Amino acid sequence: MNIYRKPTIRLHLWLETDEGLFFGYGRAHLLEKIEEYGSLKKAAESMGMSYRAAWGKIKASEAVLGEQLIVQTGSKKEGCSLTPYGKALKDQFMRWFEEVEKTALQKAAEIFTLPVKRYDEQNK
């Protein structure tokens, strides 16, 4: 079997300070799931992450940004939603990710003789 049959582009993009990463695809995806479920606990579970780990990632980002990303709307571990800032940051990051991925795919098509696809198209 030819290992180059269905190569895919994999990108790891994040924003960091001198202290390290404070926002990347994983945190943007976590915010998407919070928006979908209306719950940090359910969002974390859907990603195979503990509530504590998800909470820690959100709090670490908020500390660097000096802005709240989520707000509690119900019980401690259940209801929450994105703040306008959190939604805007998530949307901006995902737009940036999609643009970088699009450019990477275009360049891969120009440079490689392989049919490179997006990661989420790997089984198509």
N, C-alpha and C. Protein backbone atom coordinates (compact mmCIF):
# COMPACT_ATOMS: atom_id res chain seq x y z
N MET A 1 0.84 -1.18 0.00
CA MET A 1 0.00 0.00 0.00
C MET A 1 0.88 1.25 0.00
N ASN A 2 0.54 2.18 -0.82
CA ASN A 2 1.29 3.42 -0.93
C ASN A 2 0.89 4.35 0.22
N ILE A 3 1.86 4.74 1.06
CA ILE A 3 1.56 5.60 2.21
C ILE A 3 1.15 7.00 1.80
N TYR A 4 1.40 7.38 0.56
CA TYR A 4 1.06 8.72 0.09
C TYR A 4 -0.29 8.75 -0.61
N ARG A 5 -1.08 7.73 -0.41
CA ARG A 5 -2.36 7.62 -1.10
C ARG A 5 -3.27 8.81 -0.80
N LYS A 6 -3.43 9.15 0.48
CA LYS A 6 -4.33 10.24 0.86
C LYS A 6 -3.68 11.17 1.89
N PRO A 7 -2.64 11.88 1.52
CA PRO A 7 -2.01 12.78 2.49
C PRO A 7 -2.94 13.95 2.84
N THR A 8 -2.84 14.38 4.08
CA THR A 8 -3.66 15.49 4.56
C THR A 8 -2.78 16.57 5.18
N ILE A 9 -3.30 17.77 5.13
CA ILE A 9 -2.64 18.92 5.77
C ILE A 9 -3.04 18.91 7.25
N ARG A 10 -2.07 19.05 8.13
CA ARG A 10 -2.33 19.20 9.57
C ARG A 10 -1.64 20.48 10.01
N LEU A 11 -2.40 21.37 10.59
CA LEU A 11 -1.85 22.65 11.04
C LEU A 11 -2.02 22.80 12.55
N HIS A 12 -1.03 23.36 13.17
CA HIS A 12 -1.09 23.70 14.59
C HIS A 12 -0.80 25.19 14.71
N LEU A 13 -1.84 25.97 14.93
CA LEU A 13 -1.71 27.42 15.05
C LEU A 13 -2.15 27.84 16.45
N TRP A 14 -1.44 28.77 17.02
CA TRP A 14 -1.81 29.29 18.33
C TRP A 14 -1.23 30.67 18.51
N LEU A 15 -1.73 31.35 19.51
CA LEU A 15 -1.22 32.66 19.91
C LEU A 15 -0.55 32.47 21.26
N GLU A 16 0.59 33.12 21.45
CA GLU A 16 1.31 32.96 22.71
C GLU A 16 1.97 34.26 23.13
N THR A 17 2.35 34.30 24.39
CA THR A 17 3.16 35.38 24.94
C THR A 17 4.46 34.74 25.41
N ASP A 18 5.29 35.50 26.09
CA ASP A 18 6.53 34.94 26.64
C ASP A 18 6.25 33.80 27.62
N GLU A 19 5.07 33.81 28.23
CA GLU A 19 4.70 32.77 29.18
C GLU A 19 4.20 31.50 28.50
N GLY A 20 3.93 31.56 27.22
CA GLY A 20 3.46 30.38 26.49
C GLY A 20 2.12 30.59 25.82
N LEU A 21 1.54 29.49 25.37
CA LEU A 21 0.29 29.50 24.63
C LEU A 21 -0.85 30.08 25.47
N PHE A 22 -1.68 30.93 24.85
CA PHE A 22 -2.87 31.37 25.56
C PHE A 22 -4.13 31.19 24.74
N PHE A 23 -4.01 30.94 23.44
CA PHE A 23 -5.20 30.66 22.64
C PHE A 23 -4.80 29.96 21.36
N GLY A 24 -5.47 28.84 21.10
CA GLY A 24 -5.21 28.06 19.90
C GLY A 24 -6.48 27.38 19.44
N TYR A 25 -6.33 26.46 18.50
CA TYR A 25 -7.48 25.77 17.93
C TYR A 25 -8.28 25.02 19.00
N GLY A 26 -7.59 24.38 19.92
CA GLY A 26 -8.29 23.63 20.97
C GLY A 26 -9.18 24.51 21.82
N ARG A 27 -8.70 25.69 22.17
CA ARG A 27 -9.51 26.60 22.99
C ARG A 27 -10.64 27.21 22.17
N ALA A 28 -10.38 27.48 20.90
CA ALA A 28 -11.45 27.97 20.02
C ALA A 28 -12.53 26.90 19.89
N HIS A 29 -12.11 25.64 19.74
CA HIS A 29 -13.05 24.53 19.62
C HIS A 29 -13.84 24.36 20.93
N LEU A 30 -13.18 24.53 22.06
CA LEU A 30 -13.86 24.47 23.35
C LEU A 30 -14.94 25.56 23.43
N LEU A 31 -14.62 26.76 22.98
CA LEU A 31 -15.62 27.84 22.97
C LEU A 31 -16.77 27.50 22.04
N GLU A 32 -16.48 26.88 20.89
CA GLU A 32 -17.56 26.44 19.99
C GLU A 32 -18.49 25.46 20.69
N LYS A 33 -17.91 24.52 21.43
CA LYS A 33 -18.71 23.52 22.14
C LYS A 33 -19.51 24.15 23.28
N ILE A 34 -18.94 25.13 23.96
CA ILE A 34 -19.69 25.85 25.00
C ILE A 34 -20.89 26.54 24.37
N GLU A 35 -20.67 27.16 23.22
CA GLU A 35 -21.75 27.82 22.50
C GLU A 35 -22.83 26.81 22.10
N GLU A 36 -22.40 25.64 21.67
CA GLU A 36 -23.33 24.59 21.23
C GLU A 36 -24.14 24.02 22.40
N TYR A 37 -23.48 23.69 23.50
CA TYR A 37 -24.14 23.02 24.62
C TYR A 37 -24.65 23.96 25.71
N GLY A 38 -24.14 25.18 25.77
CA GLY A 38 -24.53 26.10 26.83
C GLY A 38 -24.03 25.65 28.19
N SER A 39 -22.95 24.85 28.18
CA SER A 39 -22.42 24.28 29.41
C SER A 39 -20.95 23.96 29.23
N LEU A 40 -20.13 24.44 30.17
CA LEU A 40 -18.71 24.11 30.13
C LEU A 40 -18.51 22.62 30.40
N LYS A 41 -19.27 22.08 31.33
CA LYS A 41 -19.15 20.67 31.67
C LYS A 41 -19.46 19.79 30.46
N LYS A 42 -20.56 20.05 29.78
CA LYS A 42 -20.94 19.25 28.61
C LYS A 42 -19.95 19.46 27.47
N ALA A 43 -19.48 20.69 27.30
CA ALA A 43 -18.48 20.97 26.26
C ALA A 43 -17.21 20.17 26.52
N ALA A 44 -16.75 20.19 27.76
CA ALA A 44 -15.54 19.46 28.13
C ALA A 44 -15.72 17.97 27.90
N GLU A 45 -16.85 17.42 28.35
CA GLU A 45 -17.12 15.99 28.17
C GLU A 45 -17.14 15.61 26.69
N SER A 46 -17.71 16.46 25.85
CA SER A 46 -17.79 16.16 24.42
C SER A 46 -16.41 16.11 23.77
N MET A 47 -15.44 16.74 24.41
CA MET A 47 -14.07 16.77 23.90
C MET A 47 -13.16 15.79 24.64
N GLY A 48 -13.73 14.99 25.54
CA GLY A 48 -12.92 14.04 26.29
C GLY A 48 -12.00 14.70 27.30
N MET A 49 -12.45 15.82 27.85
CA MET A 49 -11.63 16.62 28.76
C MET A 49 -12.37 16.75 30.09
N SER A 50 -11.65 16.86 31.17
CA SER A 50 -12.30 17.07 32.46
C SER A 50 -12.79 18.51 32.55
N TYR A 51 -13.80 18.72 33.40
CA TYR A 51 -14.30 20.06 33.65
C TYR A 51 -13.17 20.94 34.16
N ARG A 52 -12.37 20.40 35.08
CA ARG A 52 -11.27 21.17 35.68
C ARG A 52 -10.26 21.61 34.62
N ALA A 53 -9.91 20.71 33.69
CA ALA A 53 -8.95 21.06 32.63
C ALA A 53 -9.52 22.15 31.73
N ALA A 54 -10.79 22.02 31.36
CA ALA A 54 -11.43 23.02 30.50
C ALA A 54 -11.48 24.37 31.20
N TRP A 55 -11.89 24.36 32.47
CA TRP A 55 -11.96 25.59 33.26
C TRP A 55 -10.58 26.24 33.34
N GLY A 56 -9.55 25.44 33.58
CA GLY A 56 -8.19 25.96 33.68
C GLY A 56 -7.72 26.61 32.39
N LYS A 57 -8.05 26.01 31.25
CA LYS A 57 -7.66 26.58 29.96
C LYS A 57 -8.35 27.92 29.72
N ILE A 58 -9.63 27.97 30.03
CA ILE A 58 -10.38 29.22 29.87
C ILE A 58 -9.80 30.30 30.79
N LYS A 59 -9.58 29.96 32.05
CA LYS A 59 -9.05 30.94 33.01
C LYS A 59 -7.65 31.40 32.63
N ALA A 60 -6.81 30.50 32.11
CA ALA A 60 -5.46 30.89 31.69
C ALA A 60 -5.53 31.89 30.55
N SER A 61 -6.41 31.65 29.59
CA SER A 61 -6.57 32.58 28.47
C SER A 61 -7.10 33.92 28.96
N GLU A 62 -8.10 33.89 29.84
CA GLU A 62 -8.67 35.13 30.36
C GLU A 62 -7.62 35.94 31.12
N ALA A 63 -6.73 35.28 31.84
CA ALA A 63 -5.70 35.98 32.61
C ALA A 63 -4.75 36.74 31.68
N VAL A 64 -4.37 36.12 30.58
CA VAL A 64 -3.47 36.78 29.62
C VAL A 64 -4.19 37.90 28.89
N LEU A 65 -5.43 37.64 28.48
CA LEU A 65 -6.18 38.61 27.69
C LEU A 65 -6.73 39.77 28.52
N GLY A 66 -6.94 39.53 29.81
CA GLY A 66 -7.55 40.57 30.63
C GLY A 66 -9.02 40.76 30.31
N GLU A 67 -9.64 39.75 29.72
CA GLU A 67 -11.04 39.79 29.32
C GLU A 67 -11.69 38.46 29.68
N GLN A 68 -12.97 38.51 29.99
CA GLN A 68 -13.73 37.30 30.25
C GLN A 68 -14.17 36.68 28.93
N LEU A 69 -14.02 35.36 28.79
CA LEU A 69 -14.44 34.65 27.58
C LEU A 69 -15.81 34.00 27.73
N ILE A 70 -16.11 33.58 28.96
CA ILE A 70 -17.41 32.96 29.22
C ILE A 70 -18.02 33.59 30.47
N VAL A 71 -19.34 33.43 30.59
CA VAL A 71 -20.05 33.93 31.75
C VAL A 71 -21.01 32.84 32.22
N GLN A 72 -21.10 32.67 33.53
CA GLN A 72 -22.01 31.68 34.12
C GLN A 72 -23.45 32.14 33.94
N THR A 73 -24.31 31.22 33.52
CA THR A 73 -25.73 31.55 33.36
C THR A 73 -26.62 30.63 34.18
N GLY A 74 -26.02 29.64 34.82
CA GLY A 74 -26.80 28.69 35.61
C GLY A 74 -25.98 28.21 36.78
N SER A 75 -26.13 26.93 37.10
CA SER A 75 -25.36 26.36 38.21
C SER A 75 -23.88 26.37 37.89
N LYS A 76 -23.07 26.18 38.91
CA LYS A 76 -21.62 26.32 38.78
C LYS A 76 -21.01 25.56 37.61
N LYS A 77 -21.39 24.29 37.45
CA LYS A 77 -20.78 23.49 36.38
C LYS A 77 -21.66 23.36 35.14
N GLU A 78 -22.83 23.91 35.17
CA GLU A 78 -23.72 23.70 34.03
C GLU A 78 -23.80 24.92 33.11
N GLY A 79 -24.69 25.84 33.39
CA GLY A 79 -24.96 26.89 32.43
C GLY A 79 -23.88 27.93 32.26
N CYS A 80 -23.48 28.15 31.03
CA CYS A 80 -22.58 29.26 30.71
C CYS A 80 -22.73 29.59 29.24
N SER A 81 -22.31 30.77 28.90
CA SER A 81 -22.34 31.21 27.51
C SER A 81 -21.10 32.05 27.24
N LEU A 82 -20.86 32.29 25.98
CA LEU A 82 -19.71 33.12 25.60
C LEU A 82 -20.04 34.58 25.82
N THR A 83 -19.07 35.33 26.25
CA THR A 83 -19.22 36.78 26.29
C THR A 83 -19.09 37.28 24.85
N PRO A 84 -19.50 38.50 24.57
CA PRO A 84 -19.28 39.03 23.22
C PRO A 84 -17.80 38.97 22.83
N TYR A 85 -16.91 39.23 23.79
CA TYR A 85 -15.47 39.16 23.51
C TYR A 85 -15.06 37.72 23.18
N GLY A 86 -15.55 36.76 23.96
CA GLY A 86 -15.23 35.36 23.72
C GLY A 86 -15.71 34.89 22.36
N LYS A 87 -16.92 35.28 21.99
CA LYS A 87 -17.46 34.91 20.68
C LYS A 87 -16.64 35.53 19.57
N ALA A 88 -16.30 36.80 19.71
CA ALA A 88 -15.52 37.49 18.68
C ALA A 88 -14.14 36.85 18.53
N LEU A 89 -13.48 36.55 19.65
CA LEU A 89 -12.15 35.93 19.59
C LEU A 89 -12.22 34.56 18.92
N LYS A 90 -13.22 33.75 19.30
CA LYS A 90 -13.41 32.43 18.69
C LYS A 90 -13.61 32.57 17.19
N ASP A 91 -14.51 33.46 16.79
CA ASP A 91 -14.81 33.66 15.36
C ASP A 91 -13.59 34.15 14.60
N GLN A 92 -12.85 35.09 15.17
CA GLN A 92 -11.65 35.62 14.52
C GLN A 92 -10.58 34.55 14.38
N PHE A 93 -10.38 33.77 15.44
CA PHE A 93 -9.37 32.71 15.38
C PHE A 93 -9.74 31.68 14.32
N MET A 94 -11.01 31.26 14.29
CA MET A 94 -11.42 30.25 13.32
C MET A 94 -11.31 30.79 11.89
N ARG A 95 -11.62 32.05 11.71
CA ARG A 95 -11.46 32.66 10.38
C ARG A 95 -9.99 32.65 9.98
N TRP A 96 -9.10 33.03 10.89
CA TRP A 96 -7.66 33.01 10.63
C TRP A 96 -7.19 31.61 10.30
N PHE A 97 -7.63 30.62 11.10
CA PHE A 97 -7.25 29.23 10.87
C PHE A 97 -7.68 28.78 9.48
N GLU A 98 -8.92 29.08 9.10
CA GLU A 98 -9.43 28.68 7.78
C GLU A 98 -8.65 29.34 6.65
N GLU A 99 -8.29 30.60 6.82
CA GLU A 99 -7.51 31.31 5.79
C GLU A 99 -6.11 30.72 5.66
N VAL A 100 -5.46 30.43 6.78
CA VAL A 100 -4.11 29.83 6.75
C VAL A 100 -4.19 28.44 6.12
N GLU A 101 -5.21 27.67 6.49
CA GLU A 101 -5.38 26.33 5.93
C GLU A 101 -5.62 26.40 4.42
N LYS A 102 -6.43 27.33 3.99
CA LYS A 102 -6.72 27.51 2.55
C LYS A 102 -5.43 27.83 1.80
N THR A 103 -4.63 28.74 2.34
CA THR A 103 -3.36 29.10 1.71
C THR A 103 -2.41 27.91 1.70
N ALA A 104 -2.35 27.17 2.80
CA ALA A 104 -1.48 25.99 2.88
C ALA A 104 -1.88 24.95 1.84
N LEU A 105 -3.17 24.74 1.65
CA LEU A 105 -3.65 23.79 0.64
C LEU A 105 -3.30 24.24 -0.77
N GLN A 106 -3.45 25.53 -1.03
CA GLN A 106 -3.10 26.06 -2.36
C GLN A 106 -1.61 25.87 -2.63
N LYS A 107 -0.79 26.18 -1.65
CA LYS A 107 0.66 26.02 -1.82
C LYS A 107 1.04 24.55 -1.96
N ALA A 108 0.39 23.68 -1.19
CA ALA A 108 0.67 22.25 -1.30
C ALA A 108 0.34 21.75 -2.70
N ALA A 109 -0.77 22.23 -3.27
CA ALA A 109 -1.16 21.82 -4.62
C ALA A 109 -0.14 22.31 -5.65
N GLU A 110 0.45 23.48 -5.41
CA GLU A 110 1.46 24.02 -6.33
C GLU A 110 2.79 23.27 -6.22
N ILE A 111 3.16 22.86 -5.03
CA ILE A 111 4.49 22.31 -4.77
C ILE A 111 4.55 20.80 -4.88
N PHE A 112 3.57 20.10 -4.32
CA PHE A 112 3.60 18.64 -4.31
C PHE A 112 2.91 18.05 -5.53
N THR A 113 3.34 16.87 -5.90
CA THR A 113 2.64 16.13 -6.96
C THR A 113 1.60 15.19 -6.33
N LEU A 114 1.41 15.32 -5.03
CA LEU A 114 0.46 14.49 -4.29
C LEU A 114 -0.88 15.22 -4.16
N PRO A 115 -1.98 14.49 -4.13
CA PRO A 115 -3.30 15.11 -3.95
C PRO A 115 -3.57 15.39 -2.47
N VAL A 116 -3.03 16.47 -1.94
CA VAL A 116 -3.15 16.80 -0.52
C VAL A 116 -4.54 17.36 -0.24
N LYS A 117 -5.14 16.87 0.88
CA LYS A 117 -6.48 17.30 1.28
C LYS A 117 -6.45 17.91 2.67
N ARG A 118 -7.57 18.56 3.01
CA ARG A 118 -7.76 19.04 4.38
C ARG A 118 -7.91 17.84 5.29
N TYR A 119 -7.58 18.01 6.55
CA TYR A 119 -7.67 16.93 7.52
C TYR A 119 -9.10 16.38 7.62
N ASP A 120 -10.10 17.28 7.63
CA ASP A 120 -11.48 16.82 7.77
C ASP A 120 -12.03 16.19 6.49
N GLU A 121 -11.24 16.16 5.43
CA GLU A 121 -11.64 15.50 4.18
C GLU A 121 -10.90 14.19 3.97
N GLN A 122 -10.17 13.72 4.95
CA GLN A 122 -9.28 12.58 4.78
C GLN A 122 -10.00 11.29 4.38
N ASN A 123 -11.25 11.12 4.72
CA ASN A 123 -11.96 9.89 4.38
C ASN A 123 -12.88 10.04 3.17
N LYS A 124 -12.75 11.13 2.48
CA LYS A 124 -13.60 11.37 1.30
C LYS A 124 -12.92 10.92 0.04
